[in-house]
């Protein structure tokens, strides 16, 4: 029974630590900067198919 309680506490600690680290890491959804994306002309010239290099 002690092992079950220890395992549960370890799981809770890991869950709390994960949430804290995810909030700290600075990862947030940011809008796309469309000025950094290549012009559509380049994409229009792309051909479908397989190429082996």
PDB file of N, CA and C in Angstrom:
ATOM      1  N   UNK A   1       0.830  -1.196   0.000  1.00  0.00           N
ATOM      2  CA  UNK A   1       0.000   0.000   0.000  1.00  0.00           C
ATOM      3  C   UNK A   1       0.875   1.260   0.000  1.00  0.00           C
ATOM      4  N   UNK A   2       1.992   1.189   0.694  1.00  0.00           N
ATOM      5  CA  UNK A   2       2.896   2.348   0.732  1.00  0.00           C
ATOM      6  C   UNK A   2       3.438   2.635  -0.657  1.00  0.00           C
ATOM      7  N   UNK A   3       3.732   1.577  -1.407  1.00  0.00           N
ATOM      8  CA  UNK A   3       4.235   1.767  -2.767  1.00  0.00           C
ATOM      9  C   UNK A   3       3.186   2.407  -3.669  1.00  0.00           C
ATOM     10  N   UNK A   4       1.930   2.046  -3.502  1.00  0.00           N
ATOM     11  CA  UNK A   4       0.849   2.634  -4.295  1.00  0.00           C
ATOM     12  C   UNK A   4       0.727   4.121  -3.988  1.00  0.00           C
ATOM     13  N   UNK A   5       0.793   4.473  -2.727  1.00  0.00           N
ATOM     14  CA  UNK A   5       0.717   5.884  -2.331  1.00  0.00           C
ATOM     15  C   UNK A   5       1.924   6.645  -2.864  1.00  0.00           C
ATOM     16  N   UNK A   6       3.113   6.052  -2.765  1.00  0.00           N
ATOM     17  CA  UNK A   6       4.318   6.710  -3.274  1.00  0.00           C
ATOM     18  C   UNK A   6       4.228   6.906  -4.785  1.00  0.00           C
ATOM     19  N   UNK A   7       3.724   5.902  -5.497  1.00  0.00           N
ATOM     20  CA  UNK A   7       3.569   6.018  -6.940  1.00  0.00           C
ATOM     21  C   UNK A   7       2.544   7.091  -7.300  1.00  0.00           C
ATOM     22  N   UNK A   8       1.468   7.166  -6.560  1.00  0.00           N
ATOM     23  CA  UNK A   8       0.453   8.202  -6.791  1.00  0.00           C
ATOM     24  C   UNK A   8       1.038   9.590  -6.552  1.00  0.00           C
ATOM     25  N   UNK A   9       1.773   9.750  -5.461  1.00  0.00           N
ATOM     26  CA  UNK A   9       2.376  11.048  -5.168  1.00  0.00           C
ATOM     27  C   UNK A   9       3.404  11.438  -6.229  1.00  0.00           C
ATOM     28  N   UNK A  10       4.158  10.475  -6.701  1.00  0.00           N
ATOM     29  CA  UNK A  10       5.127  10.738  -7.766  1.00  0.00           C
ATOM     30  C   UNK A  10       4.415  11.175  -9.046  1.00  0.00           C
ATOM     31  N   UNK A  11       3.311  10.546  -9.368  1.00  0.00           N
ATOM     32  CA  UNK A  11       2.525  10.920 -10.540  1.00  0.00           C
ATOM     33  C   UNK A  11       1.953  12.324 -10.420  1.00  0.00           C
ATOM     34  N   UNK A  12       1.441  12.662  -9.248  1.00  0.00           N
ATOM     35  CA  UNK A  12       0.906  14.013  -9.016  1.00  0.00           C
ATOM     36  C   UNK A  12       2.020  15.044  -9.133  1.00  0.00           C
ATOM     37  N   UNK A  13       3.162  14.735  -8.546  1.00  0.00           N
ATOM     38  CA  UNK A  13       4.309  15.651  -8.623  1.00  0.00           C
ATOM     39  C   UNK A  13       4.736  15.855 -10.078  1.00  0.00           C
ATOM     40  N   UNK A  14       4.778  14.788 -10.860  1.00  0.00           N
ATOM     41  CA  UNK A  14       5.165  14.890 -12.263  1.00  0.00           C
ATOM     42  C   UNK A  14       4.157  15.719 -13.048  1.00  0.00           C
ATOM     43  N   UNK A  15       2.885  15.539 -12.783  1.00  0.00           N
ATOM     44  CA  UNK A  15       1.847  16.309 -13.468  1.00  0.00           C
ATOM     45  C   UNK A  15       1.959  17.795 -13.147  1.00  0.00           C
ATOM     46  N   UNK A  16       2.137  18.124 -11.880  1.00  0.00           N
ATOM     47  CA  UNK A  16       2.280  19.528 -11.470  1.00  0.00           C
ATOM     48  C   UNK A  16       3.549  20.131 -12.067  1.00  0.00           C
ATOM     49  N   UNK A  17       4.647  19.404 -12.039  1.00  0.00           N
ATOM     50  CA  UNK A  17       5.903  19.903 -12.603  1.00  0.00           C
ATOM     51  C   UNK A  17       5.773  20.134 -14.105  1.00  0.00           C
ATOM     52  N   UNK A  18       5.062  19.263 -14.796  1.00  0.00           N
ATOM     53  CA  UNK A  18       4.855  19.424 -16.236  1.00  0.00           C
ATOM     54  C   UNK A  18       4.063  20.680 -16.535  1.00  0.00           C
ATOM     55  N   UNK A  19       2.988  20.899 -15.794  1.00  0.00           N
ATOM     56  CA  UNK A  19       2.167  22.094 -16.012  1.00  0.00           C
ATOM     57  C   UNK A  19       2.978  23.357 -15.741  1.00  0.00           C
ATOM     58  N   UNK A  20       3.751  23.364 -14.684  1.00  0.00           N
ATOM     59  CA  UNK A  20       4.571  24.534 -14.357  1.00  0.00           C
ATOM     60  C   UNK A  20       5.590  24.797 -15.455  1.00  0.00           C
ATOM     61  N   UNK A  21       6.266  23.764 -15.926  1.00  0.00           N
ATOM     62  CA  UNK A  21       7.277  23.948 -16.969  1.00  0.00           C
ATOM     63  C   UNK A  21       6.654  24.390 -18.290  1.00  0.00           C
ATOM     64  N   UNK A  22       5.486  23.886 -18.627  1.00  0.00           N
ATOM     65  CA  UNK A  22       4.828  24.314 -19.857  1.00  0.00           C
ATOM     66  C   UNK A  22       4.428  25.782 -19.792  1.00  0.00           C
ATOM     67  N   UNK A  23       4.061  26.250 -18.617  1.00  0.00           N
ATOM     68  CA  UNK A  23       3.710  27.664 -18.486  1.00  0.00           C
ATOM     69  C   UNK A  23       4.952  28.549 -18.536  1.00  0.00           C
ATOM     70  N   UNK A  24       6.095  28.028 -18.112  1.00  0.00           N
ATOM     71  CA  UNK A  24       7.331  28.796 -18.048  1.00  0.00           C
ATOM     72  C   UNK A  24       8.106  28.860 -19.352  1.00  0.00           C
ATOM     73  N   UNK A  25       7.884  27.902 -20.251  1.00  0.00           N
ATOM     74  CA  UNK A  25       8.776  27.779 -21.400  1.00  0.00           C
ATOM     75  C   UNK A  25       8.582  28.854 -22.453  1.00  0.00           C
ATOM     76  N   UNK A  26       7.543  29.647 -22.360  1.00  0.00           N
ATOM     77  CA  UNK A  26       7.357  30.742 -23.300  1.00  0.00           C
ATOM     78  C   UNK A  26       6.686  30.338 -24.595  1.00  0.00           C
ATOM     79  N   UNK A  27       6.285  29.083 -24.731  1.00  0.00           N
ATOM     80  CA  UNK A  27       5.628  28.648 -25.964  1.00  0.00           C
ATOM     81  C   UNK A  27       4.197  29.154 -25.965  1.00  0.00           C
ATOM     82  N   UNK A  28       3.905  29.962 -26.932  1.00  0.00           N
ATOM     83  CA  UNK A  28       2.544  30.463 -27.107  1.00  0.00           C
ATOM     84  C   UNK A  28       2.249  30.491 -28.597  1.00  0.00           C
ATOM     85  N   UNK A  29       0.996  30.343 -28.952  1.00  0.00           N
ATOM     86  CA  UNK A  29       0.626  30.454 -30.352  1.00  0.00           C
ATOM     87  C   UNK A  29       0.823  31.899 -30.787  1.00  0.00           C
ATOM     88  N   UNK A  30       1.485  32.077 -31.901  1.00  0.00           N
ATOM     89  CA  UNK A  30       1.710  33.419 -32.433  1.00  0.00           C
ATOM     90  C   UNK A  30       1.170  33.474 -33.851  1.00  0.00           C
ATOM     91  N   UNK A  31       0.686  34.622 -34.257  1.00  0.00           N
ATOM     92  CA  UNK A  31       0.169  34.734 -35.617  1.00  0.00           C
ATOM     93  C   UNK A  31       1.291  34.581 -36.643  1.00  0.00           C
ATOM     94  N   UNK A  32       0.937  34.076 -37.806  1.00  0.00           N
ATOM     95  CA  UNK A  32       1.915  33.886 -38.871  1.00  0.00           C
ATOM     96  C   UNK A  32       2.354  35.225 -39.436  1.00  0.00           C
ATOM     97  N   UNK A  33       3.671  35.374 -39.616  1.00  0.00           N
ATOM     98  CA  UNK A  33       4.211  36.565 -40.250  1.00  0.00           C
ATOM     99  C   UNK A  33       4.255  36.304 -41.750  1.00  0.00           C
ATOM    100  N   UNK A  34       3.221  36.746 -42.457  1.00  0.00           N
ATOM    101  CA  UNK A  34       3.078  36.442 -43.879  1.00  0.00           C
ATOM    102  C   UNK A  34       4.177  37.079 -44.713  1.00  0.00           C
ATOM    103  N   UNK A  35       4.870  38.087 -44.197  1.00  0.00           N
ATOM    104  CA  UNK A  35       5.935  38.708 -44.974  1.00  0.00           C
ATOM    105  C   UNK A  35       7.159  37.799 -45.074  1.00  0.00           C
ATOM    106  N   UNK A  36       7.267  36.782 -44.248  1.00  0.00           N
ATOM    107  CA  UNK A  36       8.423  35.878 -44.270  1.00  0.00           C
ATOM    108  C   UNK A  36       8.192  34.650 -45.142  1.00  0.00           C
ATOM    109  N   UNK A  37       6.985  34.521 -45.676  1.00  0.00           N
ATOM    110  CA  UNK A  37       6.658  33.360 -46.491  1.00  0.00           C
ATOM    111  C   UNK A  37       6.937  33.690 -47.951  1.00  0.00           C
ATOM    112  N   UNK A  38       7.451  32.715 -48.696  1.00  0.00           N
ATOM    113  CA  UNK A  38       7.794  32.925 -50.105  1.00  0.00           C
ATOM    114  C   UNK A  38       6.559  33.300 -50.908  1.00  0.00           C
ATOM    115  N   UNK A  39       6.801  33.965 -52.012  1.00  0.00           N
ATOM    116  CA  UNK A  39       5.707  34.372 -52.890  1.00  0.00           C
ATOM    117  C   UNK A  39       4.984  33.144 -53.433  1.00  0.00           C
ATOM    118  N   UNK A  40       3.742  33.348 -53.802  1.00  0.00           N
ATOM    119  CA  UNK A  40       2.937  32.241 -54.299  1.00  0.00           C
ATOM    120  C   UNK A  40       3.432  31.742 -55.652  1.00  0.00           C
ATOM    121  N   UNK A  41       4.160  32.550 -56.381  1.00  0.00           N
ATOM    122  CA  UNK A  41       4.666  32.130 -57.690  1.00  0.00           C
ATOM    123  C   UNK A  41       5.546  30.882 -57.557  1.00  0.00           C
ATOM    124  N   UNK A  42       6.338  30.842 -56.534  1.00  0.00           N
ATOM    125  CA  UNK A  42       7.218  29.699 -56.337  1.00  0.00           C
ATOM    126  C   UNK A  42       6.385  28.439 -56.115  1.00  0.00           C
ATOM    127  N   UNK A  43       5.326  28.557 -55.361  1.00  0.00           N
ATOM    128  CA  UNK A  43       4.480  27.404 -55.082  1.00  0.00           C
ATOM    129  C   UNK A  43       3.687  26.993 -56.315  1.00  0.00           C
ATOM    130  N   UNK A  44       3.316  27.946 -57.160  1.00  0.00           N
ATOM    131  CA  UNK A  44       2.551  27.620 -58.361  1.00  0.00           C
ATOM    132  C   UNK A  44       3.388  26.827 -59.355  1.00  0.00           C
ATOM    133  N   UNK A  45       4.699  27.015 -59.363  1.00  0.00           N
ATOM    134  CA  UNK A  45       5.571  26.331 -60.301  1.00  0.00           C
ATOM    135  C   UNK A  45       5.911  24.921 -59.844  1.00  0.00           C
ATOM    136  N   UNK A  46       5.570  24.560 -58.635  1.00  0.00           N
ATOM    137  CA  UNK A  46       5.905  23.239 -58.115  1.00  0.00           C
ATOM    138  C   UNK A  46       5.112  22.171 -58.863  1.00  0.00           C
ATOM    139  N   UNK A  47       5.765  21.058 -59.148  1.00  0.00           N
ATOM    140  CA  UNK A  47       5.121  19.963 -59.863  1.00  0.00           C
ATOM    141  C   UNK A  47       4.901  18.799 -58.913  1.00  0.00           C
ATOM    142  N   UNK A  48       3.815  18.109 -59.126  1.00  0.00           N
ATOM    143  CA  UNK A  48       3.543  16.925 -58.327  1.00  0.00           C
ATOM    144  C   UNK A  48       4.356  15.758 -58.868  1.00  0.00           C
ATOM    145  N   UNK A  49       4.804  14.910 -58.016  1.00  0.00           N
ATOM    146  CA  UNK A  49       5.554  13.746 -58.450  1.00  0.00           C
ATOM    147  C   UNK A  49       6.596  13.356 -57.430  1.00  0.00           C
ATOM    148  N   UNK A  50       7.282  12.287 -57.731  1.00  0.00           N
ATOM    149  CA  UNK A  50       8.313  11.793 -56.824  1.00  0.00           C
ATOM    150  C   UNK A  50       9.679  12.081 -57.408  1.00  0.00           C
ATOM    151  N   UNK A  51      10.548  12.523 -56.593  1.00  0.00           N
ATOM    152  CA  UNK A  51      11.920  12.777 -57.029  1.00  0.00           C
ATOM    153  C   UNK A  51      12.853  12.076 -56.063  1.00  0.00           C
ATOM    154  N   UNK A  52      13.803  11.356 -56.617  1.00  0.00           N
ATOM    155  CA  UNK A  52      14.790  10.675 -55.788  1.00  0.00           C
ATOM    156  C   UNK A  52      16.113  11.379 -55.956  1.00  0.00           C
ATOM    157  N   UNK A  53      16.697  11.766 -54.855  1.00  0.00           N
ATOM    158  CA  UNK A  53      17.971  12.495 -54.910  1.00  0.00           C
ATOM    159  C   UNK A  53      19.023  11.734 -54.192  1.00  0.00           C
TER     160      UNK A  53
END
